[in-house]
Structure formats: C-alpha cells, structure tokens
Amino acid sequence: MILLLVSAGIMTGIIAALKAQANASDHYRATCIARNRIQHAKTISFNSYNAITESLVRVDQDGVIASTGEFRRSTSVAVAGTNCMSVTVDVWYSIRPEVWSTEPVTIQTMIHTTMQL
C-alpha cells in the first residue's frame, strides 16, 4: 500500500514536469516565430510596412501560414515618428486543440529607414 502511494506521488511529479517542459518548448517556439517576423519586417521596403499587418493568423512552428497551425500570430505596425515605425508581433501557442495560451509572447521593435537590411 505504501509503495502504491509513493508511486502515485512520483507519477504526479513526472506528469507535472512533462507539462512544464512542453509549455517551455512551446513558449520558446513562439518566441522564435515572433523574432523571425521582426527580422522579416526589417527586410521589406519602408513604404510597404502596412502589408505585413495581420491578425490572429494560424502558423506552424516555422511561422509559415497553415490552416492547422499550432500557433496564432498578429503583427501590427504604427508610425512612431518621421521615417520610424513601431512593429509589434504577438504569438499565442496551442495548449490543447482550440485552447490558446492566455498571454501572447510579444516582441516589439522600432525600425528606422536607415535600419533596413
């Protein structure tokens, strides 16, 4: 009986550790998707920034638009001054099918015309 109780406690700990590891992995992938979107924004023409605006687009783990993607990405662009734009990327990850993280991974940067790659 004691062995059964100890085993149940150990299994509970293992399951909690596996869930935490999966959550950390999804958060890391969401961060990479957001970072890559910011890098993409730096490569486009300054006058074309509104073309990258998107809202809750499903993407796969590589940031490619996919109808069954496990991530959702939003990109917003705002004028932040003369020749300067603010780009914000939010990425949510799937916890379970159709259940998304409550807080997105958010990366924001300022891009000036002289900073384009």
PDB file of N, CA and C in Angstrom:
ATOM      1  N   MET A   1       0.826  -1.194   0.000  1.00  0.00           N
ATOM      2  CA  MET A   1       0.000   0.000   0.000  1.00  0.00           C
ATOM      3  C   MET A   1       0.877   1.267   0.000  1.00  0.00           C
ATOM      4  N   ILE A   2       1.907   1.261   0.834  1.00  0.00           N
ATOM      5  CA  ILE A   2       2.805   2.411   0.893  1.00  0.00           C
ATOM      6  C   ILE A   2       3.514   2.591  -0.448  1.00  0.00           C
ATOM      7  N   LEU A   3       3.928   1.488  -1.043  1.00  0.00           N
ATOM      8  CA  LEU A   3       4.587   1.551  -2.346  1.00  0.00           C
ATOM      9  C   LEU A   3       3.658   2.164  -3.398  1.00  0.00           C
ATOM     10  N   LEU A   4       2.382   1.822  -3.329  1.00  0.00           N
ATOM     11  CA  LEU A   4       1.404   2.377  -4.262  1.00  0.00           C
ATOM     12  C   LEU A   4       1.272   3.892  -4.090  1.00  0.00           C
ATOM     13  N   LEU A   5       1.232   4.371  -2.867  1.00  0.00           N
ATOM     14  CA  LEU A   5       1.130   5.799  -2.592  1.00  0.00           C
ATOM     15  C   LEU A   5       2.377   6.550  -3.054  1.00  0.00           C
ATOM     16  N   VAL A   6       3.527   5.973  -2.793  1.00  0.00           N
ATOM     17  CA  VAL A   6       4.778   6.595  -3.225  1.00  0.00           C
ATOM     18  C   VAL A   6       4.847   6.648  -4.754  1.00  0.00           C
ATOM     19  N   SER A   7       4.445   5.560  -5.408  1.00  0.00           N
ATOM     20  CA  SER A   7       4.452   5.514  -6.870  1.00  0.00           C
ATOM     21  C   SER A   7       3.502   6.552  -7.464  1.00  0.00           C
ATOM     22  N   ALA A   8       2.332   6.709  -6.853  1.00  0.00           N
ATOM     23  CA  ALA A   8       1.366   7.697  -7.330  1.00  0.00           C
ATOM     24  C   ALA A   8       1.945   9.111  -7.191  1.00  0.00           C
ATOM     25  N   GLY A   9       2.625   9.384  -6.092  1.00  0.00           N
ATOM     26  CA  GLY A   9       3.246  10.692  -5.895  1.00  0.00           C
ATOM     27  C   GLY A   9       4.340  10.962  -6.902  1.00  0.00           C
ATOM     28  N   ILE A  10       5.140   9.967  -7.186  1.00  0.00           N
ATOM     29  CA  ILE A  10       6.212  10.110  -8.170  1.00  0.00           C
ATOM     30  C   ILE A  10       5.635  10.346  -9.570  1.00  0.00           C
ATOM     31  N   MET A  11       4.601   9.593  -9.926  1.00  0.00           N
ATOM     32  CA  MET A  11       3.973   9.760 -11.233  1.00  0.00           C
ATOM     33  C   MET A  11       3.377  11.156 -11.391  1.00  0.00           C
ATOM     34  N   THR A  12       2.773  11.681 -10.339  1.00  0.00           N
ATOM     35  CA  THR A  12       2.219  13.032 -10.380  1.00  0.00           C
ATOM     36  C   THR A  12       3.321  14.049 -10.645  1.00  0.00           C
ATOM     37  N   GLY A  13       4.446  13.868 -10.008  1.00  0.00           N
ATOM     38  CA  GLY A  13       5.591  14.757 -10.227  1.00  0.00           C
ATOM     39  C   GLY A  13       6.134  14.659 -11.635  1.00  0.00           C
ATOM     40  N   ILE A  14       6.201  13.465 -12.173  1.00  0.00           N
ATOM     41  CA  ILE A  14       6.698  13.270 -13.535  1.00  0.00           C
ATOM     42  C   ILE A  14       5.762  13.925 -14.543  1.00  0.00           C
ATOM     43  N   ILE A  15       4.465  13.760 -14.356  1.00  0.00           N
ATOM     44  CA  ILE A  15       3.489  14.365 -15.271  1.00  0.00           C
ATOM     45  C   ILE A  15       3.578  15.886 -15.223  1.00  0.00           C
ATOM     46  N   ALA A  16       3.719  16.457 -14.029  1.00  0.00           N
ATOM     47  CA  ALA A  16       3.853  17.915 -13.899  1.00  0.00           C
ATOM     48  C   ALA A  16       5.116  18.409 -14.596  1.00  0.00           C
ATOM     49  N   ALA A  17       6.199  17.663 -14.479  1.00  0.00           N
ATOM     50  CA  ALA A  17       7.458  18.044 -15.127  1.00  0.00           C
ATOM     51  C   ALA A  17       7.336  17.978 -16.649  1.00  0.00           C
ATOM     52  N   LEU A  18       6.654  16.975 -17.169  1.00  0.00           N
ATOM     53  CA  LEU A  18       6.461  16.849 -18.613  1.00  0.00           C
ATOM     54  C   LEU A  18       5.612  17.997 -19.158  1.00  0.00           C
ATOM     55  N   LYS A  19       4.574  18.387 -18.424  1.00  0.00           N
ATOM     56  CA  LYS A  19       3.731  19.508 -18.848  1.00  0.00           C
ATOM     57  C   LYS A  19       4.527  20.815 -18.840  1.00  0.00           C
ATOM     58  N   ALA A  20       5.350  21.018 -17.836  1.00  0.00           N
ATOM     59  CA  ALA A  20       6.164  22.230 -17.756  1.00  0.00           C
ATOM     60  C   ALA A  20       7.171  22.280 -18.906  1.00  0.00           C
ATOM     61  N   GLN A  21       7.754  21.139 -19.232  1.00  0.00           N
ATOM     62  CA  GLN A  21       8.715  21.085 -20.338  1.00  0.00           C
ATOM     63  C   GLN A  21       8.025  21.393 -21.659  1.00  0.00           C
ATOM     64  N   ALA A  22       6.832  20.864 -21.894  1.00  0.00           N
ATOM     65  CA  ALA A  22       6.099  21.128 -23.136  1.00  0.00           C
ATOM     66  C   ALA A  22       5.724  22.603 -23.230  1.00  0.00           C
ATOM     67  N   ASN A  23       5.317  23.194 -22.117  1.00  0.00           N
ATOM     68  CA  ASN A  23       4.959  24.610 -22.096  1.00  0.00           C
ATOM     69  C   ASN A  23       6.180  25.477 -22.417  1.00  0.00           C
ATOM     70  N   ALA A  24       7.313  25.151 -21.839  1.00  0.00           N
ATOM     71  CA  ALA A  24       8.543  25.900 -22.101  1.00  0.00           C
ATOM     72  C   ALA A  24       8.957  25.771 -23.568  1.00  0.00           C
ATOM     73  N   SER A  25       8.799  24.586 -24.133  1.00  0.00           N
ATOM     74  CA  SER A  25       9.148  24.363 -25.536  1.00  0.00           C
ATOM     75  C   SER A  25       8.242  25.184 -26.458  1.00  0.00           C
ATOM     76  N   ASP A  26       6.949  25.204 -26.183  1.00  0.00           N
ATOM     77  CA  ASP A  26       6.013  25.988 -26.996  1.00  0.00           C
ATOM     78  C   ASP A  26       6.281  27.484 -26.868  1.00  0.00           C
ATOM     79  N   HIS A  27       6.618  27.932 -25.668  1.00  0.00           N
ATOM     80  CA  HIS A  27       6.935  29.347 -25.448  1.00  0.00           C
ATOM     81  C   HIS A  27       8.189  29.732 -26.233  1.00  0.00           C
ATOM     82  N   TYR A  28       9.185  28.864 -26.237  1.00  0.00           N
ATOM     83  CA  TYR A  28      10.412  29.117 -27.000  1.00  0.00           C
ATOM     84  C   TYR A  28      10.109  29.205 -28.495  1.00  0.00           C
ATOM     85  N   ARG A  29       9.303  28.255 -29.024  1.00  0.00           N
ATOM     86  CA  ARG A  29       8.953  28.285 -30.443  1.00  0.00           C
ATOM     87  C   ARG A  29       8.185  29.561 -30.792  1.00  0.00           C
ATOM     88  N   ALA A  30       7.267  29.977 -29.905  1.00  0.00           N
ATOM     89  CA  ALA A  30       6.508  31.210 -30.140  1.00  0.00           C
ATOM     90  C   ALA A  30       7.453  32.413 -30.177  1.00  0.00           C
ATOM     91  N   THR A  31       8.449  32.422 -29.314  1.00  0.00           N
ATOM     92  CA  THR A  31       9.438  33.496 -29.311  1.00  0.00           C
ATOM     93  C   THR A  31      10.222  33.518 -30.625  1.00  0.00           C
ATOM     94  N   CYS A  32      10.607  32.352 -31.127  1.00  0.00           N
ATOM     95  CA  CYS A  32      11.332  32.275 -32.403  1.00  0.00           C
ATOM     96  C   CYS A  32      10.465  32.757 -33.560  1.00  0.00           C
ATOM     97  N   ILE A  33       9.176  32.399 -33.553  1.00  0.00           N
ATOM     98  CA  ILE A  33       8.261  32.849 -34.609  1.00  0.00           C
ATOM     99  C   ILE A  33       8.164  34.371 -34.600  1.00  0.00           C
ATOM    100  N   ALA A  34       8.012  34.956 -33.415  1.00  0.00           N
ATOM    101  CA  ALA A  34       7.914  36.420 -33.296  1.00  0.00           C
ATOM    102  C   ALA A  34       9.212  37.094 -33.729  1.00  0.00           C
ATOM    103  N   ARG A  35      10.320  36.568 -33.293  1.00  0.00           N
ATOM    104  CA  ARG A  35      11.619  37.141 -33.661  1.00  0.00           C
ATOM    105  C   ARG A  35      11.848  37.080 -35.169  1.00  0.00           C
ATOM    106  N   ASN A  36      11.494  35.963 -35.791  1.00  0.00           N
ATOM    107  CA  ASN A  36      11.666  35.824 -37.231  1.00  0.00           C
ATOM    108  C   ASN A  36      10.760  36.788 -37.998  1.00  0.00           C
ATOM    109  N   ARG A  37       9.571  37.051 -37.460  1.00  0.00           N
ATOM    110  CA  ARG A  37       8.663  38.010 -38.113  1.00  0.00           C
ATOM    111  C   ARG A  37       9.255  39.419 -38.050  1.00  0.00           C
ATOM    112  N   ILE A  38       9.867  39.766 -36.921  1.00  0.00           N
ATOM    113  CA  ILE A  38      10.537  41.066 -36.790  1.00  0.00           C
ATOM    114  C   ILE A  38      11.690  41.153 -37.794  1.00  0.00           C
ATOM    115  N   GLN A  39      12.462  40.085 -37.927  1.00  0.00           N
ATOM    116  CA  GLN A  39      13.568  40.074 -38.893  1.00  0.00           C
ATOM    117  C   GLN A  39      13.038  40.255 -40.308  1.00  0.00           C
ATOM    118  N   HIS A  40      11.910  39.624 -40.612  1.00  0.00           N
ATOM    119  CA  HIS A  40      11.299  39.790 -41.936  1.00  0.00           C
ATOM    120  C   HIS A  40      10.897  41.247 -42.150  1.00  0.00           C
ATOM    121  N   ALA A  41      10.350  41.874 -41.128  1.00  0.00           N
ATOM    122  CA  ALA A  41       9.916  43.282 -41.237  1.00  0.00           C
ATOM    123  C   ALA A  41      11.090  44.189 -41.584  1.00  0.00           C
ATOM    124  N   LYS A  42      12.263  43.847 -41.112  1.00  0.00           N
ATOM    125  CA  LYS A  42      13.436  44.676 -41.381  1.00  0.00           C
ATOM    126  C   LYS A  42      13.908  44.578 -42.823  1.00  0.00           C
ATOM    127  N   THR A  43      13.429  43.579 -43.565  1.00  0.00           N
ATOM    128  CA  THR A  43      13.904  43.376 -44.932  1.00  0.00           C
ATOM    129  C   THR A  43      12.995  43.988 -45.986  1.00  0.00           C
ATOM    130  N   ILE A  44      11.813  44.451 -45.606  1.00  0.00           N
ATOM    131  CA  ILE A  44      10.884  44.967 -46.610  1.00  0.00           C
ATOM    132  C   ILE A  44      11.012  46.470 -46.740  1.00  0.00           C
ATOM    133  N   SER A  45      10.476  46.982 -47.814  1.00  0.00           N
ATOM    134  CA  SER A  45      10.518  48.414 -48.093  1.00  0.00           C
ATOM    135  C   SER A  45       9.772  49.177 -47.008  1.00  0.00           C
ATOM    136  N   PHE A  46      10.327  50.303 -46.609  1.00  0.00           N
ATOM    137  CA  PHE A  46       9.725  51.101 -45.539  1.00  0.00           C
ATOM    138  C   PHE A  46       8.298  51.503 -45.871  1.00  0.00           C
ATOM    139  N   ASN A  47       8.008  51.730 -47.128  1.00  0.00           N
ATOM    140  CA  ASN A  47       6.658  52.133 -47.539  1.00  0.00           C
ATOM    141  C   ASN A  47       5.686  50.960 -47.607  1.00  0.00           C
ATOM    142  N   SER A  48       6.160  49.734 -47.421  1.00  0.00           N
ATOM    143  CA  SER A  48       5.315  48.542 -47.523  1.00  0.00           C
ATOM    144  C   SER A  48       4.969  47.929 -46.176  1.00  0.00           C
ATOM    145  N   TYR A  49       5.256  48.623 -45.079  1.00  0.00           N
ATOM    146  CA  TYR A  49       5.045  48.023 -43.771  1.00  0.00           C
ATOM    147  C   TYR A  49       3.601  47.644 -43.482  1.00  0.00           C
ATOM    148  N   ASN A  50       2.652  48.386 -43.995  1.00  0.00           N
ATOM    149  CA  ASN A  50       1.252  48.034 -43.736  1.00  0.00           C
ATOM    150  C   ASN A  50       0.880  46.693 -44.345  1.00  0.00           C
ATOM    151  N   ALA A  51       1.644  46.224 -45.329  1.00  0.00           N
ATOM    152  CA  ALA A  51       1.369  44.938 -45.969  1.00  0.00           C
ATOM    153  C   ALA A  51       1.643  43.756 -45.033  1.00  0.00           C
ATOM    154  N   ILE A  52       2.422  43.950 -43.986  1.00  0.00           N
ATOM    155  CA  ILE A  52       2.713  42.831 -43.085  1.00  0.00           C
ATOM    156  C   ILE A  52       1.755  42.770 -41.899  1.00  0.00           C
ATOM    157  N   THR A  53       0.828  43.721 -41.814  1.00  0.00           N
ATOM    158  CA  THR A  53      -0.141  43.708 -40.725  1.00  0.00           C
ATOM    159  C   THR A  53      -1.034  42.480 -40.860  1.00  0.00           C
ATOM    160  N   GLU A  54      -1.236  41.770 -39.748  1.00  0.00           N
ATOM    161  CA  GLU A  54      -2.084  40.575 -39.735  1.00  0.00           C
ATOM    162  C   GLU A  54      -2.695  40.409 -38.362  1.00  0.00           C
ATOM    163  N   SER A  55      -3.776  39.648 -38.286  1.00  0.00           N
ATOM    164  CA  SER A  55      -4.456  39.463 -37.004  1.00  0.00           C
ATOM    165  C   SER A  55      -4.844  38.003 -36.814  1.00  0.00           C
ATOM    166  N   LEU A  56      -4.272  37.390 -35.789  1.00  0.00           N
ATOM    167  CA  LEU A  56      -4.594  36.015 -35.387  1.00  0.00           C
ATOM    168  C   LEU A  56      -4.520  35.011 -36.543  1.00  0.00           C
ATOM    169  N   VAL A  57      -3.440  35.092 -37.296  1.00  0.00           N
ATOM    170  CA  VAL A  57      -3.213  34.162 -38.400  1.00  0.00           C
ATOM    171  C   VAL A  57      -2.603  32.886 -37.832  1.00  0.00           C
ATOM    172  N   ARG A  58      -3.144  31.752 -38.220  1.00  0.00           N
ATOM    173  CA  ARG A  58      -2.573  30.477 -37.773  1.00  0.00           C
ATOM    174  C   ARG A  58      -1.291  30.196 -38.548  1.00  0.00           C
ATOM    175  N   VAL A  59      -0.241  29.820 -37.811  1.00  0.00           N
ATOM    176  CA  VAL A  59       1.044  29.493 -38.422  1.00  0.00           C
ATOM    177  C   VAL A  59       1.574  28.211 -37.800  1.00  0.00           C
ATOM    178  N   ASP A  60       2.459  27.535 -38.534  1.00  0.00           N
ATOM    179  CA  ASP A  60       3.090  26.344 -37.988  1.00  0.00           C
ATOM    180  C   ASP A  60       4.306  26.743 -37.148  1.00  0.00           C
ATOM    181  N   GLN A  61       5.054  25.763 -36.683  1.00  0.00           N
ATOM    182  CA  GLN A  61       6.188  26.054 -35.795  1.00  0.00           C
ATOM    183  C   GLN A  61       7.312  26.809 -36.489  1.00  0.00           C
ATOM    184  N   ASP A  62       7.274  26.895 -37.821  1.00  0.00           N
ATOM    185  CA  ASP A  62       8.277  27.662 -38.570  1.00  0.00           C
ATOM    186  C   ASP A  62       7.772  29.050 -38.940  1.00  0.00           C
ATOM    187  N   GLY A  63       6.542  29.386 -38.519  1.00  0.00           N
ATOM    188  CA  GLY A  63       5.980  30.694 -38.826  1.00  0.00           C
ATOM    189  C   GLY A  63       5.333  30.781 -40.193  1.00  0.00           C
ATOM    190  N   VAL A  64       5.159  29.637 -40.854  1.00  0.00           N
ATOM    191  CA  VAL A  64       4.526  29.591 -42.171  1.00  0.00           C
ATOM    192  C   VAL A  64       3.011  29.477 -41.971  1.00  0.00           C
ATOM    193  N   ILE A  65       2.260  30.291 -42.702  1.00  0.00           N
ATOM    194  CA  ILE A  65       0.801  30.264 -42.567  1.00  0.00           C
ATOM    195  C   ILE A  65       0.285  28.866 -42.891  1.00  0.00           C
ATOM    196  N   ALA A  66      -0.525  28.316 -41.962  1.00  0.00           N
ATOM    197  CA  ALA A  66      -1.076  26.966 -42.115  1.00  0.00           C
ATOM    198  C   ALA A  66      -2.426  26.906 -41.414  1.00  0.00           C
ATOM    199  N   SER A  67      -3.422  26.381 -42.096  1.00  0.00           N
ATOM    200  CA  SER A  67      -4.772  26.340 -41.526  1.00  0.00           C
ATOM    201  C   SER A  67      -4.853  25.491 -40.264  1.00  0.00           C
ATOM    202  N   THR A  68      -3.925  24.569 -40.092  1.00  0.00           N
ATOM    203  CA  THR A  68      -3.914  23.717 -38.903  1.00  0.00           C
ATOM    204  C   THR A  68      -2.766  24.068 -37.956  1.00  0.00           C
ATOM    205  N   GLY A  69      -2.204  25.263 -38.123  1.00  0.00           N
ATOM    206  CA  GLY A  69      -1.049  25.671 -37.314  1.00  0.00           C
ATOM    207  C   GLY A  69      -1.346  25.667 -35.825  1.00  0.00           C
ATOM    208  N   GLU A  70      -0.332  25.352 -35.032  1.00  0.00           N
ATOM    209  CA  GLU A  70      -0.455  25.292 -33.576  1.00  0.00           C
ATOM    210  C   GLU A  70      -0.155  26.627 -32.914  1.00  0.00           C
ATOM    211  N   PHE A  71       0.067  27.659 -33.717  1.00  0.00           N
ATOM    212  CA  PHE A  71       0.364  28.990 -33.194  1.00  0.00           C
ATOM    213  C   PHE A  71      -0.529  29.999 -33.909  1.00  0.00           C
ATOM    214  N   ARG A  72      -0.802  31.114 -33.233  1.00  0.00           N
ATOM    215  CA  ARG A  72      -1.518  32.239 -33.846  1.00  0.00           C
ATOM    216  C   ARG A  72      -0.622  33.460 -33.740  1.00  0.00           C
ATOM    217  N   ARG A  73      -0.521  34.208 -34.847  1.00  0.00           N
ATOM    218  CA  ARG A  73       0.373  35.355 -34.886  1.00  0.00           C
ATOM    219  C   ARG A  73      -0.387  36.598 -35.331  1.00  0.00           C
ATOM    220  N   SER A  74      -0.118  37.707 -34.643  1.00  0.00           N
ATOM    221  CA  SER A  74      -0.629  39.013 -35.045  1.00  0.00           C
ATOM    222  C   SER A  74       0.555  39.952 -35.186  1.00  0.00           C
ATOM    223  N   THR A  75       0.529  40.768 -36.232  1.00  0.00           N
ATOM    224  CA  THR A  75       1.573  41.759 -36.464  1.00  0.00           C
ATOM    225  C   THR A  75       0.902  43.113 -36.646  1.00  0.00           C
ATOM    226  N   SER A  76       1.342  44.083 -35.876  1.00  0.00           N
ATOM    227  CA  SER A  76       0.804  45.437 -36.039  1.00  0.00           C
ATOM    228  C   SER A  76       1.945  46.413 -36.290  1.00  0.00           C
ATOM    229  N   VAL A  77       1.627  47.430 -37.071  1.00  0.00           N
ATOM    230  CA  VAL A  77       2.609  48.445 -37.442  1.00  0.00           C
ATOM    231  C   VAL A  77       2.007  49.811 -37.125  1.00  0.00           C
ATOM    232  N   ALA A  78       2.804  50.678 -36.511  1.00  0.00           N
ATOM    233  CA  ALA A  78       2.338  52.031 -36.191  1.00  0.00           C
ATOM    234  C   ALA A  78       3.448  53.023 -36.498  1.00  0.00           C
ATOM    235  N   VAL A  79       3.044  54.193 -36.944  1.00  0.00           N
ATOM    236  CA  VAL A  79       4.006  55.263 -37.187  1.00  0.00           C
ATOM    237  C   VAL A  79       4.509  55.758 -35.837  1.00  0.00           C
ATOM    238  N   ALA A  80       5.822  55.816 -35.691  1.00  0.00           N
ATOM    239  CA  ALA A  80       6.408  56.229 -34.415  1.00  0.00           C
ATOM    240  C   ALA A  80       7.205  57.521 -34.554  1.00  0.00           C
ATOM    241  N   GLY A  81       7.130  58.148 -35.690  1.00  0.00           N
ATOM    242  CA  GLY A  81       7.872  59.379 -35.923  1.00  0.00           C
ATOM    243  C   GLY A  81       8.259  59.465 -37.384  1.00  0.00           C
ATOM    244  N   THR A  82       8.954  60.516 -37.722  1.00  0.00           N
ATOM    245  CA  THR A  82       9.396  60.687 -39.102  1.00  0.00           C
ATOM    246  C   THR A  82      10.351  59.559 -39.470  1.00  0.00           C
ATOM    247  N   ASN A  83       9.998  58.810 -40.528  1.00  0.00           N
ATOM    248  CA  ASN A  83      10.821  57.698 -41.013  1.00  0.00           C
ATOM    249  C   ASN A  83      11.049  56.608 -39.975  1.00  0.00           C
ATOM    250  N   CYS A  84      10.115  56.469 -39.047  1.00  0.00           N
ATOM    251  CA  CYS A  84      10.258  55.457 -37.989  1.00  0.00           C
ATOM    252  C   CYS A  84       8.926  54.738 -37.772  1.00  0.00           C
ATOM    253  N   MET A  85       8.989  53.420 -37.698  1.00  0.00           N
ATOM    254  CA  MET A  85       7.810  52.593 -37.467  1.00  0.00           C
ATOM    255  C   MET A  85       8.017  51.706 -36.250  1.00  0.00           C
ATOM    256  N   SER A  86       6.932  51.465 -35.550  1.00  0.00           N
ATOM    257  CA  SER A  86       6.933  50.516 -34.442  1.00  0.00           C
ATOM    258  C   SER A  86       6.262  49.232 -34.946  1.00  0.00           C
ATOM    259  N   VAL A  87       6.944  48.117 -34.827  1.00  0.00           N
ATOM    260  CA  VAL A  87       6.402  46.822 -35.251  1.00  0.00           C
ATOM    261  C   VAL A  87       6.256  45.948 -34.010  1.00  0.00           C
ATOM    262  N   THR A  88       5.051  45.424 -33.807  1.00  0.00           N
ATOM    263  CA  THR A  88       4.771  44.545 -32.671  1.00  0.00           C
ATOM    264  C   THR A  88       4.251  43.215 -33.189  1.00  0.00           C
ATOM    265  N   VAL A  89       4.830  42.136 -32.694  1.00  0.00           N
ATOM    266  CA  VAL A  89       4.390  40.795 -33.071  1.00  0.00           C
ATOM    267  C   VAL A  89       3.962  40.063 -31.799  1.00  0.00           C
ATOM    268  N   ASP A  90       2.738  39.529 -31.821  1.00  0.00           N
ATOM    269  CA  ASP A  90       2.208  38.717 -30.724  1.00  0.00           C
ATOM    270  C   ASP A  90       2.006  37.305 -31.248  1.00  0.00           C
ATOM    271  N   VAL A  91       2.443  36.306 -30.474  1.00  0.00           N
ATOM    272  CA  VAL A  91       2.262  34.907 -30.860  1.00  0.00           C
ATOM    273  C   VAL A  91       1.674  34.143 -29.677  1.00  0.00           C
ATOM    274  N   TRP A  92       0.555  33.459 -29.926  1.00  0.00           N
ATOM    275  CA  TRP A  92      -0.063  32.587 -28.940  1.00  0.00           C
ATOM    276  C   TRP A  92       0.219  31.154 -29.354  1.00  0.00           C
ATOM    277  N   TYR A  93       0.338  30.259 -28.396  1.00  0.00           N
ATOM    278  CA  TYR A  93       0.558  28.850 -28.721  1.00  0.00           C
ATOM    279  C   TYR A  93      -0.603  28.011 -28.193  1.00  0.00           C
ATOM    280  N   SER A  94      -0.797  26.886 -28.838  1.00  0.00           N
ATOM    281  CA  SER A  94      -1.899  25.995 -28.506  1.00  0.00           C
ATOM    282  C   SER A  94      -1.559  25.163 -27.275  1.00  0.00           C
ATOM    283  N   ILE A  95      -2.437  25.209 -26.282  1.00  0.00           N
ATOM    284  CA  ILE A  95      -2.261  24.384 -25.089  1.00  0.00           C
ATOM    285  C   ILE A  95      -2.893  23.016 -25.334  1.00  0.00           C
ATOM    286  N   ARG A  96      -4.080  23.044 -25.894  1.00  0.00           N
ATOM    287  CA  ARG A  96      -4.817  21.861 -26.342  1.00  0.00           C
ATOM    288  C   ARG A  96      -5.505  22.288 -27.633  1.00  0.00           C
ATOM    289  N   PRO A  97      -6.063  21.355 -28.389  1.00  0.00           N
ATOM    290  CA  PRO A  97      -6.759  21.775 -29.618  1.00  0.00           C
ATOM    291  C   PRO A  97      -7.796  22.869 -29.332  1.00  0.00           C
ATOM    292  N   GLU A  98      -7.632  23.987 -30.021  1.00  0.00           N
ATOM    293  CA  GLU A  98      -8.522  25.155 -29.915  1.00  0.00           C
ATOM    294  C   GLU A  98      -8.506  25.841 -28.554  1.00  0.00           C
ATOM    295  N   VAL A  99      -7.509  25.561 -27.725  1.00  0.00           N
ATOM    296  CA  VAL A  99      -7.302  26.276 -26.463  1.00  0.00           C
ATOM    297  C   VAL A  99      -5.935  26.924 -26.543  1.00  0.00           C
ATOM    298  N   TRP A 100      -5.904  28.266 -26.444  1.00  0.00           N
ATOM    299  CA  TRP A 100      -4.673  29.024 -26.667  1.00  0.00           C
ATOM    300  C   TRP A 100      -4.130  29.581 -25.365  1.00  0.00           C
ATOM    301  N   SER A 101      -2.842  29.861 -25.356  1.00  0.00           N
ATOM    302  CA  SER A 101      -2.206  30.479 -24.194  1.00  0.00           C
ATOM    303  C   SER A 101      -2.930  31.783 -23.870  1.00  0.00           C
ATOM    304  N   THR A 102      -3.028  32.098 -22.589  1.00  0.00           N
ATOM    305  CA  THR A 102      -3.778  33.296 -22.184  1.00  0.00           C
ATOM    306  C   THR A 102      -3.010  34.573 -22.477  1.00  0.00           C
ATOM    307  N   GLU A 103      -1.714  34.522 -22.426  1.00  0.00           N
ATOM    308  CA  GLU A 103      -0.870  35.692 -22.709  1.00  0.00           C
ATOM    309  C   GLU A 103       0.019  35.374 -23.903  1.00  0.00           C
ATOM    310  N   PRO A 104       0.103  36.275 -24.869  1.00  0.00           N
ATOM    311  CA  PRO A 104       0.980  36.005 -26.007  1.00  0.00           C
ATOM    312  C   PRO A 104       2.437  36.285 -25.674  1.00  0.00           C
ATOM    313  N   VAL A 105       3.310  35.709 -26.473  1.00  0.00           N
ATOM    314  CA  VAL A 105       4.708  36.117 -26.489  1.00  0.00           C
ATOM    315  C   VAL A 105       4.731  37.369 -27.363  1.00  0.00           C
ATOM    316  N   THR A 106       5.256  38.468 -26.849  1.00  0.00           N
ATOM    317  CA  THR A 106       5.241  39.735 -27.574  1.00  0.00           C
ATOM    318  C   THR A 106       6.651  40.254 -27.779  1.00  0.00           C
ATOM    319  N   ILE A 107       6.955  40.624 -29.012  1.00  0.00           N
ATOM    320  CA  ILE A 107       8.222  41.271 -29.324  1.00  0.00           C
ATOM    321  C   ILE A 107       7.884  42.545 -30.088  1.00  0.00           C
ATOM    322  N   GLN A 108       8.492  43.640 -29.681  1.00  0.00           N
ATOM    323  CA  GLN A 108       8.251  44.928 -30.316  1.00  0.00           C
ATOM    324  C   GLN A 108       9.592  45.580 -30.621  1.00  0.00           C
ATOM    325  N   THR A 109       9.654  46.263 -31.747  1.00  0.00           N
ATOM    326  CA  THR A 109      10.874  46.972 -32.110  1.00  0.00           C
ATOM    327  C   THR A 109      10.525  48.235 -32.888  1.00  0.00           C
ATOM    328  N   MET A 110      11.463  49.129 -32.929  1.00  0.00           N
ATOM    329  CA  MET A 110      11.349  50.344 -33.733  1.00  0.00           C
ATOM    330  C   MET A 110      12.255  50.154 -34.950  1.00  0.00           C
ATOM    331  N   ILE A 111      11.739  50.514 -36.108  1.00  0.00           N
ATOM    332  CA  ILE A 111      12.526  50.398 -37.339  1.00  0.00           C
ATOM    333  C   ILE A 111      12.580  51.758 -38.010  1.00  0.00           C
ATOM    334  N   HIS A 112      13.792  52.217 -38.245  1.00  0.00           N
ATOM    335  CA  HIS A 112      14.016  53.494 -38.930  1.00  0.00           C
ATOM    336  C   HIS A 112      14.440  53.169 -40.355  1.00  0.00           C
ATOM    337  N   THR A 113      14.197  54.076 -41.267  1.00  0.00           N
ATOM    338  CA  THR A 113      14.538  53.829 -42.674  1.00  0.00           C
ATOM    339  C   THR A 113      16.002  53.462 -42.864  1.00  0.00           C
ATOM    340  N   THR A 114      16.868  53.947 -42.013  1.00  0.00           N
ATOM    341  CA  THR A 114      18.304  53.651 -42.148  1.00  0.00           C
ATOM    342  C   THR A 114      18.668  52.287 -41.585  1.00  0.00           C
ATOM    343  N   MET A 115      17.715  51.584 -40.945  1.00  0.00           N
ATOM    344  CA  MET A 115      17.999  50.297 -40.317  1.00  0.00           C
ATOM    345  C   MET A 115      17.653  49.117 -41.213  1.00  0.00           C
ATOM    346  N   GLN A 116      17.102  49.341 -42.369  1.00  0.00           N
ATOM    347  CA  GLN A 116      16.691  48.236 -43.207  1.00  0.00           C
ATOM    348  C   GLN A 116      17.878  47.441 -43.686  1.00  0.00           C
ATOM    349  N   LEU A 117      17.676  46.139 -43.783  1.00  0.00           N
ATOM    350  CA  LEU A 117      18.737  45.236 -44.228  1.00  0.00           C
ATOM    351  C   LEU A 117      18.858  45.232 -45.735  1.00  0.00           C
TER     352      LEU A 117
END
